[in-house]
Amino acid sequence: MPRSVNSVASRARRKKILKQTKGNFLARANVWTVAKNTYEKGLTYAYRDRKNKKRTFRALWIVRINAAARAHGMNYSQFIGKLAKNNVGLNRKVLADLAMNNPQAFEAIINSVK
C-alpha cells in the first residue's frame, strides 16, 4: 500500500509560515528551515518585548514627571512620596500626561501636595 503523506496539509502549513517571513532578507524569507527558525525567534522576541514595552513606558513617564516636578522646585522622589502621603490616587501614566499636555493641572497637583 502506498505511503500517505498528506502533502496538501504540509504545503499549506509551510506556506503559512513562509507568508509570515515575507520581507526578511534572502534565505530567512524563502528557505523553509531558516524561515521557520526566523519565524519562531520572531514570536519569542514579540512575547518578550510586549513585556519590555510596559517597562519602557513606565521609565518614560518617570522621566517626564521628574522634569515637570523639578520645574516646580521638587524632585520625582519627593513628589511621589508626598502624593502617597496625601492619598492622591493618580498613577504615573496620568501624571506624565498632565505634565506634558496640561501644565496648569500638574502645577495645581504640586501645590496641593506641598
PDB file of N, CA and C in Angstrom:
ATOM      1  N   MET A   1       0.843  -1.179   0.000  1.00  0.00           N
ATOM      2  CA  MET A   1       0.000   0.000   0.000  1.00  0.00           C
ATOM      3  C   MET A   1       0.894   1.250   0.000  1.00  0.00           C
ATOM      4  N   PRO A   2       0.560   2.234  -0.839  1.00  0.00           N
ATOM      5  CA  PRO A   2       1.400   3.431  -0.915  1.00  0.00           C
ATOM      6  C   PRO A   2       1.343   4.258   0.386  1.00  0.00           C
ATOM      7  N   ARG A   3       2.446   4.965   0.601  1.00  0.00           N
ATOM      8  CA  ARG A   3       2.549   5.781   1.808  1.00  0.00           C
ATOM      9  C   ARG A   3       1.725   7.069   1.635  1.00  0.00           C
ATOM     10  N   SER A   4       0.943   7.407   2.644  1.00  0.00           N
ATOM     11  CA  SER A   4       0.125   8.618   2.585  1.00  0.00           C
ATOM     12  C   SER A   4       0.852   9.731   3.341  1.00  0.00           C
ATOM     13  N   VAL A   5       1.103  10.840   2.673  1.00  0.00           N
ATOM     14  CA  VAL A   5       1.880  11.914   3.297  1.00  0.00           C
ATOM     15  C   VAL A   5       1.077  13.196   3.495  1.00  0.00           C
ATOM     16  N   ASN A   6      -0.102  13.280   2.919  1.00  0.00           N
ATOM     17  CA  ASN A   6      -0.949  14.474   3.042  1.00  0.00           C
ATOM     18  C   ASN A   6      -0.183  15.742   2.679  1.00  0.00           C
ATOM     19  N   SER A   7       0.301  15.772   1.457  1.00  0.00           N
ATOM     20  CA  SER A   7       1.126  16.896   1.020  1.00  0.00           C
ATOM     21  C   SER A   7       0.341  18.205   0.976  1.00  0.00           C
ATOM     22  N   VAL A   8      -0.976  18.138   0.834  1.00  0.00           N
ATOM     23  CA  VAL A   8      -1.773  19.360   0.795  1.00  0.00           C
ATOM     24  C   VAL A   8      -1.661  20.101   2.137  1.00  0.00           C
ATOM     25  N   ALA A   9      -1.818  19.374   3.226  1.00  0.00           N
ATOM     26  CA  ALA A   9      -1.737  19.991   4.551  1.00  0.00           C
ATOM     27  C   ALA A   9      -0.320  20.451   4.847  1.00  0.00           C
ATOM     28  N   SER A  10       0.682  19.640   4.447  1.00  0.00           N
ATOM     29  CA  SER A  10       2.084  20.010   4.696  1.00  0.00           C
ATOM     30  C   SER A  10       2.441  21.293   3.961  1.00  0.00           C
ATOM     31  N   ARG A  11       2.025  21.375   2.700  1.00  0.00           N
ATOM     32  CA  ARG A  11       2.322  22.565   1.904  1.00  0.00           C
ATOM     33  C   ARG A  11       1.609  23.784   2.482  1.00  0.00           C
ATOM     34  N   ALA A  12       0.379  23.607   2.923  1.00  0.00           N
ATOM     35  CA  ALA A  12      -0.370  24.729   3.497  1.00  0.00           C
ATOM     36  C   ALA A  12       0.307  25.231   4.765  1.00  0.00           C
ATOM     37  N   ARG A  13       0.789  24.293   5.573  1.00  0.00           N
ATOM     38  CA  ARG A  13       1.466  24.662   6.816  1.00  0.00           C
ATOM     39  C   ARG A  13       2.754  25.443   6.513  1.00  0.00           C
ATOM     40  N   ARG A  14       3.503  24.980   5.530  1.00  0.00           N
ATOM     41  CA  ARG A  14       4.742  25.670   5.167  1.00  0.00           C
ATOM     42  C   ARG A  14       4.460  27.043   4.560  1.00  0.00           C
ATOM     43  N   LYS A  15       3.444  27.101   3.700  1.00  0.00           N
ATOM     44  CA  LYS A  15       3.109  28.377   3.066  1.00  0.00           C
ATOM     45  C   LYS A  15       2.687  29.419   4.101  1.00  0.00           C
ATOM     46  N   LYS A  16       2.006  28.944   5.132  1.00  0.00           N
ATOM     47  CA  LYS A  16       1.546  29.856   6.176  1.00  0.00           C
ATOM     48  C   LYS A  16       2.736  30.534   6.869  1.00  0.00           C
ATOM     49  N   ILE A  17       3.768  29.752   7.154  1.00  0.00           N
ATOM     50  CA  ILE A  17       4.945  30.327   7.819  1.00  0.00           C
ATOM     51  C   ILE A  17       5.766  31.160   6.839  1.00  0.00           C
ATOM     52  N   LEU A  18       5.900  30.689   5.597  1.00  0.00           N
ATOM     53  CA  LEU A  18       6.656  31.460   4.609  1.00  0.00           C
ATOM     54  C   LEU A  18       5.986  32.810   4.331  1.00  0.00           C
ATOM     55  N   LYS A  19       4.672  32.840   4.418  1.00  0.00           N
ATOM     56  CA  LYS A  19       3.954  34.102   4.244  1.00  0.00           C
ATOM     57  C   LYS A  19       4.286  35.056   5.391  1.00  0.00           C
ATOM     58  N   GLN A  20       4.447  34.529   6.595  1.00  0.00           N
ATOM     59  CA  GLN A  20       4.782  35.351   7.761  1.00  0.00           C
ATOM     60  C   GLN A  20       6.200  35.923   7.681  1.00  0.00           C
ATOM     61  N   THR A  21       7.109  35.215   7.006  1.00  0.00           N
ATOM     62  CA  THR A  21       8.501  35.672   6.937  1.00  0.00           C
ATOM     63  C   THR A  21       8.760  36.531   5.707  1.00  0.00           C
ATOM     64  N   LYS A  22       7.726  36.869   4.971  1.00  0.00           N
ATOM     65  CA  LYS A  22       7.884  37.726   3.807  1.00  0.00           C
ATOM     66  C   LYS A  22       8.483  39.060   4.252  1.00  0.00           C
ATOM     67  N   GLY A  23       9.472  39.537   3.522  1.00  0.00           N
ATOM     68  CA  GLY A  23      10.120  40.790   3.883  1.00  0.00           C
ATOM     69  C   GLY A  23      11.460  40.585   4.558  1.00  0.00           C
ATOM     70  N   ASN A  24      11.757  39.366   4.980  1.00  0.00           N
ATOM     71  CA  ASN A  24      13.074  39.087   5.547  1.00  0.00           C
ATOM     72  C   ASN A  24      14.102  38.986   4.427  1.00  0.00           C
ATOM     73  N   PHE A  25      15.373  38.986   4.799  1.00  0.00           N
ATOM     74  CA  PHE A  25      16.470  39.027   3.838  1.00  0.00           C
ATOM     75  C   PHE A  25      16.870  37.622   3.405  1.00  0.00           C
ATOM     76  N   LEU A  26      16.991  37.433   2.088  1.00  0.00           N
ATOM     77  CA  LEU A  26      17.482  36.195   1.485  1.00  0.00           C
ATOM     78  C   LEU A  26      16.801  34.938   2.029  1.00  0.00           C
ATOM     79  N   ALA A  27      17.602  33.979   2.529  1.00  0.00           N
ATOM     80  CA  ALA A  27      17.074  32.673   2.930  1.00  0.00           C
ATOM     81  C   ALA A  27      16.081  32.771   4.078  1.00  0.00           C
ATOM     82  N   ARG A  28      16.185  33.833   4.872  1.00  0.00           N
ATOM     83  CA  ARG A  28      15.270  33.983   6.000  1.00  0.00           C
ATOM     84  C   ARG A  28      13.824  34.122   5.529  1.00  0.00           C
ATOM     85  N   ALA A  29      13.637  34.468   4.277  1.00  0.00           N
ATOM     86  CA  ALA A  29      12.280  34.633   3.754  1.00  0.00           C
ATOM     87  C   ALA A  29      11.779  33.413   2.998  1.00  0.00           C
ATOM     88  N   ASN A  30      12.680  32.629   2.376  1.00  0.00           N
ATOM     89  CA  ASN A  30      12.158  31.617   1.465  1.00  0.00           C
ATOM     90  C   ASN A  30      12.732  30.208   1.604  1.00  0.00           C
ATOM     91  N   VAL A  31      13.723  29.993   2.443  1.00  0.00           N
ATOM     92  CA  VAL A  31      14.208  28.633   2.691  1.00  0.00           C
ATOM     93  C   VAL A  31      13.488  28.118   3.926  1.00  0.00           C
ATOM     94  N   TRP A  32      12.802  26.991   3.777  1.00  0.00           N
ATOM     95  CA  TRP A  32      11.879  26.535   4.809  1.00  0.00           C
ATOM     96  C   TRP A  32      12.494  26.453   6.201  1.00  0.00           C
ATOM     97  N   THR A  33      13.619  25.769   6.364  1.00  0.00           N
ATOM     98  CA  THR A  33      14.156  25.567   7.707  1.00  0.00           C
ATOM     99  C   THR A  33      14.630  26.879   8.322  1.00  0.00           C
ATOM    100  N   VAL A  34      15.259  27.726   7.513  1.00  0.00           N
ATOM    101  CA  VAL A  34      15.738  29.013   8.006  1.00  0.00           C
ATOM    102  C   VAL A  34      14.553  29.921   8.335  1.00  0.00           C
ATOM    103  N   ALA A  35      13.562  29.921   7.457  1.00  0.00           N
ATOM    104  CA  ALA A  35      12.384  30.762   7.663  1.00  0.00           C
ATOM    105  C   ALA A  35      11.625  30.339   8.915  1.00  0.00           C
ATOM    106  N   LYS A  36      11.529  29.036   9.150  1.00  0.00           N
ATOM    107  CA  LYS A  36      10.821  28.541  10.335  1.00  0.00           C
ATOM    108  C   LYS A  36      11.529  28.999  11.602  1.00  0.00           C
ATOM    109  N   ASN A  37      12.864  28.911  11.611  1.00  0.00           N
ATOM    110  CA  ASN A  37      13.624  29.373  12.774  1.00  0.00           C
ATOM    111  C   ASN A  37      13.454  30.877  12.982  1.00  0.00           C
ATOM    112  N   THR A  38      13.482  31.628  11.890  1.00  0.00           N
ATOM    113  CA  THR A  38      13.292  33.077  11.953  1.00  0.00           C
ATOM    114  C   THR A  38      11.927  33.415  12.537  1.00  0.00           C
ATOM    115  N   TYR A  39      10.918  32.710  12.044  1.00  0.00           N
ATOM    116  CA  TYR A  39       9.540  32.938  12.493  1.00  0.00           C
ATOM    117  C   TYR A  39       9.399  32.649  13.984  1.00  0.00           C
ATOM    118  N   GLU A  40       9.935  31.528  14.430  1.00  0.00           N
ATOM    119  CA  GLU A  40       9.809  31.146  15.838  1.00  0.00           C
ATOM    120  C   GLU A  40      10.574  32.124  16.738  1.00  0.00           C
ATOM    121  N   LYS A  41      11.740  32.549  16.298  1.00  0.00           N
ATOM    122  CA  LYS A  41      12.506  33.501  17.091  1.00  0.00           C
ATOM    123  C   LYS A  41      11.793  34.847  17.135  1.00  0.00           C
ATOM    124  N   GLY A  42      11.164  35.205  16.026  1.00  0.00           N
ATOM    125  CA  GLY A  42      10.394  36.449  15.987  1.00  0.00           C
ATOM    126  C   GLY A  42       9.243  36.424  16.985  1.00  0.00           C
ATOM    127  N   LEU A  43       8.574  35.277  17.097  1.00  0.00           N
ATOM    128  CA  LEU A  43       7.493  35.153  18.076  1.00  0.00           C
ATOM    129  C   LEU A  43       8.028  35.295  19.497  1.00  0.00           C
ATOM    130  N   THR A  44       9.214  34.743  19.740  1.00  0.00           N
ATOM    131  CA  THR A  44       9.838  34.853  21.061  1.00  0.00           C
ATOM    132  C   THR A  44      10.143  36.308  21.388  1.00  0.00           C
ATOM    133  N   TYR A  45      10.719  37.024  20.418  1.00  0.00           N
ATOM    134  CA  TYR A  45      11.012  38.445  20.621  1.00  0.00           C
ATOM    135  C   TYR A  45       9.724  39.225  20.862  1.00  0.00           C
ATOM    136  N   ALA A  46       8.685  38.912  20.114  1.00  0.00           N
ATOM    137  CA  ALA A  46       7.416  39.636  20.257  1.00  0.00           C
ATOM    138  C   ALA A  46       6.852  39.456  21.656  1.00  0.00           C
ATOM    139  N   TYR A  47       6.909  38.233  22.167  1.00  0.00           N
ATOM    140  CA  TYR A  47       6.407  37.958  23.515  1.00  0.00           C
ATOM    141  C   TYR A  47       7.233  38.727  24.555  1.00  0.00           C
ATOM    142  N   ARG A  48       8.548  38.644  24.426  1.00  0.00           N
ATOM    143  CA  ARG A  48       9.435  39.330  25.372  1.00  0.00           C
ATOM    144  C   ARG A  48       9.203  40.837  25.342  1.00  0.00           C
ATOM    145  N   ASP A  49       9.094  41.394  24.145  1.00  0.00           N
ATOM    146  CA  ASP A  49       9.020  42.844  24.023  1.00  0.00           C
ATOM    147  C   ASP A  49       7.649  43.410  24.365  1.00  0.00           C
ATOM    148  N   ARG A  50       6.629  42.572  24.379  1.00  0.00           N
ATOM    149  CA  ARG A  50       5.348  43.046  24.913  1.00  0.00           C
ATOM    150  C   ARG A  50       5.488  43.335  26.399  1.00  0.00           C
ATOM    151  N   LYS A  51       6.335  42.577  27.071  1.00  0.00           N
ATOM    152  CA  LYS A  51       6.604  42.826  28.494  1.00  0.00           C
ATOM    153  C   LYS A  51       7.520  44.043  28.656  1.00  0.00           C
ATOM    154  N   ASN A  52       8.560  44.131  27.827  1.00  0.00           N
ATOM    155  CA  ASN A  52       9.521  45.233  27.921  1.00  0.00           C
ATOM    156  C   ASN A  52       8.895  46.583  27.595  1.00  0.00           C
ATOM    157  N   LYS A  53       7.855  46.570  26.760  1.00  0.00           N
ATOM    158  CA  LYS A  53       7.186  47.800  26.372  1.00  0.00           C
ATOM    159  C   LYS A  53       6.618  48.507  27.601  1.00  0.00           C
ATOM    160  N   LYS A  54       6.045  47.734  28.509  1.00  0.00           N
ATOM    161  CA  LYS A  54       5.473  48.298  29.725  1.00  0.00           C
ATOM    162  C   LYS A  54       6.569  48.939  30.583  1.00  0.00           C
ATOM    163  N   ARG A  55       7.707  48.254  30.662  1.00  0.00           N
ATOM    164  CA  ARG A  55       8.857  48.745  31.416  1.00  0.00           C
ATOM    165  C   ARG A  55       9.370  50.056  30.824  1.00  0.00           C
ATOM    166  N   THR A  56       9.463  50.098  29.499  1.00  0.00           N
ATOM    167  CA  THR A  56       9.981  51.279  28.809  1.00  0.00           C
ATOM    168  C   THR A  56       9.067  52.479  29.001  1.00  0.00           C
ATOM    169  N   PHE A  57       7.752  52.254  28.894  1.00  0.00           N
ATOM    170  CA  PHE A  57       6.817  53.356  29.057  1.00  0.00           C
ATOM    171  C   PHE A  57       6.828  53.886  30.485  1.00  0.00           C
ATOM    172  N   ARG A  58       6.929  52.989  31.467  1.00  0.00           N
ATOM    173  CA  ARG A  58       6.990  53.449  32.853  1.00  0.00           C
ATOM    174  C   ARG A  58       8.223  54.338  33.064  1.00  0.00           C
ATOM    175  N   ALA A  59       9.351  53.948  32.498  1.00  0.00           N
ATOM    176  CA  ALA A  59      10.566  54.757  32.607  1.00  0.00           C
ATOM    177  C   ALA A  59      10.368  56.129  31.959  1.00  0.00           C
ATOM    178  N   LEU A  60       9.694  56.165  30.816  1.00  0.00           N
ATOM    179  CA  LEU A  60       9.424  57.427  30.130  1.00  0.00           C
ATOM    180  C   LEU A  60       8.536  58.331  30.976  1.00  0.00           C
ATOM    181  N   TRP A  61       7.489  57.745  31.580  1.00  0.00           N
ATOM    182  CA  TRP A  61       6.597  58.533  32.434  1.00  0.00           C
ATOM    183  C   TRP A  61       7.358  59.123  33.611  1.00  0.00           C
ATOM    184  N   ILE A  62       8.255  58.332  34.199  1.00  0.00           N
ATOM    185  CA  ILE A  62       9.019  58.804  35.353  1.00  0.00           C
ATOM    186  C   ILE A  62       9.919  59.969  34.960  1.00  0.00           C
ATOM    187  N   VAL A  63      10.549  59.880  33.798  1.00  0.00           N
ATOM    188  CA  VAL A  63      11.408  60.972  33.313  1.00  0.00           C
ATOM    189  C   VAL A  63      10.584  62.242  33.124  1.00  0.00           C
ATOM    190  N   ARG A  64       9.399  62.116  32.548  1.00  0.00           N
ATOM    191  CA  ARG A  64       8.553  63.288  32.298  1.00  0.00           C
ATOM    192  C   ARG A  64       8.056  63.913  33.596  1.00  0.00           C
ATOM    193  N   ILE A  65       7.652  63.076  34.536  1.00  0.00           N
ATOM    194  CA  ILE A  65       7.176  63.592  35.828  1.00  0.00           C
ATOM    195  C   ILE A  65       8.317  64.286  36.556  1.00  0.00           C
ATOM    196  N   ASN A  66       9.492  63.694  36.527  1.00  0.00           N
ATOM    197  CA  ASN A  66      10.659  64.275  37.192  1.00  0.00           C
ATOM    198  C   ASN A  66      10.981  65.645  36.607  1.00  0.00           C
ATOM    199  N   ALA A  67      10.965  65.756  35.281  1.00  0.00           N
ATOM    200  CA  ALA A  67      11.278  67.037  34.635  1.00  0.00           C
ATOM    201  C   ALA A  67      10.261  68.098  35.030  1.00  0.00           C
ATOM    202  N   ALA A  68       8.991  67.726  35.043  1.00  0.00           N
ATOM    203  CA  ALA A  68       7.945  68.693  35.388  1.00  0.00           C
ATOM    204  C   ALA A  68       8.003  69.064  36.870  1.00  0.00           C
ATOM    205  N   ALA A  69       8.283  68.088  37.718  1.00  0.00           N
ATOM    206  CA  ALA A  69       8.359  68.361  39.156  1.00  0.00           C
ATOM    207  C   ALA A  69       9.549  69.266  39.468  1.00  0.00           C
ATOM    208  N   ARG A  70      10.678  69.037  38.820  1.00  0.00           N
ATOM    209  CA  ARG A  70      11.868  69.862  39.046  1.00  0.00           C
ATOM    210  C   ARG A  70      11.630  71.307  38.615  1.00  0.00           C
ATOM    211  N   ALA A  71      10.788  71.505  37.612  1.00  0.00           N
ATOM    212  CA  ALA A  71      10.462  72.859  37.172  1.00  0.00           C
ATOM    213  C   ALA A  71       9.705  73.620  38.263  1.00  0.00           C
ATOM    214  N   HIS A  72       9.115  72.886  39.199  1.00  0.00           N
ATOM    215  CA  HIS A  72       8.374  73.497  40.310  1.00  0.00           C
ATOM    216  C   HIS A  72       9.098  73.327  41.639  1.00  0.00           C
ATOM    217  N   GLY A  73      10.403  73.063  41.602  1.00  0.00           N
ATOM    218  CA  GLY A  73      11.212  73.033  42.806  1.00  0.00           C
ATOM    219  C   GLY A  73      11.100  71.775  43.654  1.00  0.00           C
ATOM    220  N   MET A  74      10.800  70.649  43.024  1.00  0.00           N
ATOM    221  CA  MET A  74      10.679  69.387  43.763  1.00  0.00           C
ATOM    222  C   MET A  74      11.184  68.287  42.854  1.00  0.00           C
ATOM    223  N   ASN A  75      11.851  67.274  43.414  1.00  0.00           N
ATOM    224  CA  ASN A  75      12.273  66.192  42.532  1.00  0.00           C
ATOM    225  C   ASN A  75      11.225  65.068  42.514  1.00  0.00           C
ATOM    226  N   TYR A  76      11.451  64.087  41.657  1.00  0.00           N
ATOM    227  CA  TYR A  76      10.480  63.000  41.457  1.00  0.00           C
ATOM    228  C   TYR A  76      10.212  62.237  42.743  1.00  0.00           C
ATOM    229  N   SER A  77      11.277  61.902  43.452  1.00  0.00           N
ATOM    230  CA  SER A  77      11.153  61.099  44.662  1.00  0.00           C
ATOM    231  C   SER A  77      10.306  61.813  45.713  1.00  0.00           C
ATOM    232  N   GLN A  78      10.591  63.087  45.925  1.00  0.00           N
ATOM    233  CA  GLN A  78       9.814  63.872  46.893  1.00  0.00           C
ATOM    234  C   GLN A  78       8.362  63.969  46.465  1.00  0.00           C
ATOM    235  N   PHE A  79       8.149  64.218  45.181  1.00  0.00           N
ATOM    236  CA  PHE A  79       6.799  64.390  44.656  1.00  0.00           C
ATOM    237  C   PHE A  79       5.964  63.123  44.840  1.00  0.00           C
ATOM    238  N   ILE A  80       6.511  61.978  44.465  1.00  0.00           N
ATOM    239  CA  ILE A  80       5.773  60.714  44.586  1.00  0.00           C
ATOM    240  C   ILE A  80       5.529  60.389  46.063  1.00  0.00           C
ATOM    241  N   GLY A  81       6.520  60.674  46.893  1.00  0.00           N
ATOM    242  CA  GLY A  81       6.361  60.443  48.325  1.00  0.00           C
ATOM    243  C   GLY A  81       5.226  61.262  48.912  1.00  0.00           C
ATOM    244  N   LYS A  82       5.151  62.533  48.518  1.00  0.00           N
ATOM    245  CA  LYS A  82       4.084  63.406  49.026  1.00  0.00           C
ATOM    246  C   LYS A  82       2.726  63.020  48.455  1.00  0.00           C
ATOM    247  N   LEU A  83       2.701  62.549  47.216  1.00  0.00           N
ATOM    248  CA  LEU A  83       1.431  62.069  46.644  1.00  0.00           C
ATOM    249  C   LEU A  83       0.897  60.896  47.457  1.00  0.00           C
ATOM    250  N   ALA A  84       1.776  59.970  47.795  1.00  0.00           N
ATOM    251  CA  ALA A  84       1.364  58.793  48.561  1.00  0.00           C
ATOM    252  C   ALA A  84       0.898  59.198  49.955  1.00  0.00           C
ATOM    253  N   LYS A  85       1.613  60.140  50.553  1.00  0.00           N
ATOM    254  CA  LYS A  85       1.268  60.600  51.905  1.00  0.00           C
ATOM    255  C   LYS A  85      -0.101  61.279  51.936  1.00  0.00           C
ATOM    256  N   ASN A  86      -0.415  62.022  50.869  1.00  0.00           N
ATOM    257  CA  ASN A  86      -1.690  62.755  50.784  1.00  0.00           C
ATOM    258  C   ASN A  86      -2.805  61.950  50.115  1.00  0.00           C
ATOM    259  N   ASN A  87      -2.545  60.669  49.854  1.00  0.00           N
ATOM    260  CA  ASN A  87      -3.542  59.769  49.240  1.00  0.00           C
ATOM    261  C   ASN A  87      -4.100  60.289  47.920  1.00  0.00           C
ATOM    262  N   VAL A  88      -3.226  60.818  47.079  1.00  0.00           N
ATOM    263  CA  VAL A  88      -3.638  61.240  45.734  1.00  0.00           C
ATOM    264  C   VAL A  88      -3.549  60.009  44.838  1.00  0.00           C
ATOM    265  N   GLY A  89      -4.671  59.601  44.282  1.00  0.00           N
ATOM    266  CA  GLY A  89      -4.721  58.340  43.540  1.00  0.00           C
ATOM    267  C   GLY A  89      -4.483  58.472  42.052  1.00  0.00           C
ATOM    268  N   LEU A  90      -3.481  59.223  41.656  1.00  0.00           N
ATOM    269  CA  LEU A  90      -3.156  59.338  40.231  1.00  0.00           C
ATOM    270  C   LEU A  90      -1.937  58.485  39.923  1.00  0.00           C
ATOM    271  N   ASN A  91      -2.030  57.701  38.861  1.00  0.00           N
ATOM    272  CA  ASN A  91      -0.875  56.861  38.504  1.00  0.00           C
ATOM    273  C   ASN A  91       0.117  57.646  37.654  1.00  0.00           C
ATOM    274  N   ARG A  92       1.253  57.041  37.387  1.00  0.00           N
ATOM    275  CA  ARG A  92       2.324  57.726  36.676  1.00  0.00           C
ATOM    276  C   ARG A  92       1.945  58.069  35.238  1.00  0.00           C
ATOM    277  N   LYS A  93       1.149  57.226  34.618  1.00  0.00           N
ATOM    278  CA  LYS A  93       0.721  57.484  33.242  1.00  0.00           C
ATOM    279  C   LYS A  93      -0.083  58.782  33.173  1.00  0.00           C
ATOM    280  N   VAL A  94      -1.025  58.941  34.085  1.00  0.00           N
ATOM    281  CA  VAL A  94      -1.870  60.139  34.107  1.00  0.00           C
ATOM    282  C   VAL A  94      -1.045  61.365  34.484  1.00  0.00           C
ATOM    283  N   LEU A  95      -0.171  61.213  35.472  1.00  0.00           N
ATOM    284  CA  LEU A  95       0.667  62.340  35.886  1.00  0.00           C
ATOM    285  C   LEU A  95       1.576  62.816  34.748  1.00  0.00           C
ATOM    286  N   ALA A  96       2.160  61.859  34.017  1.00  0.00           N
ATOM    287  CA  ALA A  96       3.027  62.228  32.893  1.00  0.00           C
ATOM    288  C   ALA A  96       2.238  62.927  31.802  1.00  0.00           C
ATOM    289  N   ASP A  97       1.015  62.466  31.555  1.00  0.00           N
ATOM    290  CA  ASP A  97       0.170  63.093  30.546  1.00  0.00           C
ATOM    291  C   ASP A  97      -0.181  64.523  30.962  1.00  0.00           C
ATOM    292  N   LEU A  98      -0.519  64.707  32.240  1.00  0.00           N
ATOM    293  CA  LEU A  98      -0.821  66.054  32.730  1.00  0.00           C
ATOM    294  C   LEU A  98       0.413  66.946  32.621  1.00  0.00           C
ATOM    295  N   ALA A  99       1.574  66.421  32.968  1.00  0.00           N
ATOM    296  CA  ALA A  99       2.805  67.205  32.920  1.00  0.00           C
ATOM    297  C   ALA A  99       3.098  67.690  31.503  1.00  0.00           C
ATOM    298  N   MET A 100       2.814  66.840  30.521  1.00  0.00           N
ATOM    299  CA  MET A 100       3.096  67.199  29.129  1.00  0.00           C
ATOM    300  C   MET A 100       2.010  68.099  28.526  1.00  0.00           C
ATOM    301  N   ASN A 101       0.748  67.734  28.741  1.00  0.00           N
ATOM    302  CA  ASN A 101      -0.340  68.354  27.988  1.00  0.00           C
ATOM    303  C   ASN A 101      -1.159  69.368  28.773  1.00  0.00           C
ATOM    304  N   ASN A 102      -1.043  69.359  30.095  1.00  0.00           N
ATOM    305  CA  ASN A 102      -1.832  70.286  30.899  1.00  0.00           C
ATOM    306  C   ASN A 102      -1.004  70.760  32.091  1.00  0.00           C
ATOM    307  N   PRO A 103      -0.014  71.628  31.844  1.00  0.00           N
ATOM    308  CA  PRO A 103       0.903  72.043  32.915  1.00  0.00           C
ATOM    309  C   PRO A 103       0.202  72.737  34.079  1.00  0.00           C
ATOM    310  N   GLN A 104      -0.924  73.431  33.811  1.00  0.00           N
ATOM    311  CA  GLN A 104      -1.628  74.119  34.890  1.00  0.00           C
ATOM    312  C   GLN A 104      -2.201  73.104  35.888  1.00  0.00           C
ATOM    313  N   ALA A 105      -2.775  72.033  35.374  1.00  0.00           N
ATOM    314  CA  ALA A 105      -3.324  70.993  36.253  1.00  0.00           C
ATOM    315  C   ALA A 105      -2.207  70.322  37.042  1.00  0.00           C
ATOM    316  N   PHE A 106      -1.073  70.088  36.394  1.00  0.00           N
ATOM    317  CA  PHE A 106       0.054  69.466  37.091  1.00  0.00           C
ATOM    318  C   PHE A 106       0.559  70.387  38.196  1.00  0.00           C
ATOM    319  N   GLU A 107       0.618  71.686  37.898  1.00  0.00           N
ATOM    320  CA  GLU A 107       1.058  72.649  38.906  1.00  0.00           C
ATOM    321  C   GLU A 107       0.088  72.676  40.085  1.00  0.00           C
ATOM    322  N   ALA A 108      -1.200  72.552  39.802  1.00  0.00           N
ATOM    323  CA  ALA A 108      -2.199  72.516  40.884  1.00  0.00           C
ATOM    324  C   ALA A 108      -1.990  71.303  41.768  1.00  0.00           C
ATOM    325  N   ILE A 109      -1.642  70.161  41.173  1.00  0.00           N
ATOM    326  CA  ILE A 109      -1.369  68.950  41.942  1.00  0.00           C
ATOM    327  C   ILE A 109      -0.142  69.157  42.823  1.00  0.00           C
ATOM    328  N   ILE A 110       0.886  69.753  42.249  1.00  0.00           N
ATOM    329  CA  ILE A 110       2.120  70.002  43.032  1.00  0.00           C
ATOM    330  C   ILE A 110       1.817  70.930  44.206  1.00  0.00           C
ATOM    331  N   ASN A 111       1.025  71.987  43.942  1.00  0.00           N
ATOM    332  CA  ASN A 111       0.699  72.934  45.025  1.00  0.00           C
ATOM    333  C   ASN A 111      -0.155  72.281  46.099  1.00  0.00           C
ATOM    334  N   SER A 112      -0.981  71.320  45.712  1.00  0.00           N
ATOM    335  CA  SER A 112      -1.847  70.670  46.699  1.00  0.00           C
ATOM    336  C   SER A 112      -1.062  69.742  47.614  1.00  0.00           C
ATOM    337  N   VAL A 113       0.066  69.190  47.149  1.00  0.00           N
ATOM    338  CA  VAL A 113       0.831  68.277  47.996  1.00  0.00           C
ATOM    339  C   VAL A 113       1.985  68.957  48.739  1.00  0.00           C
ATOM    340  N   LYS A 114       2.280  70.201  48.379  1.00  0.00           N
ATOM    341  CA  LYS A 114       3.392  70.909  49.046  1.00  0.00           C
ATOM    342  C   LYS A 114       3.040  71.218  50.481  1.00  0.00           C
TER     343      LYS A 114
END
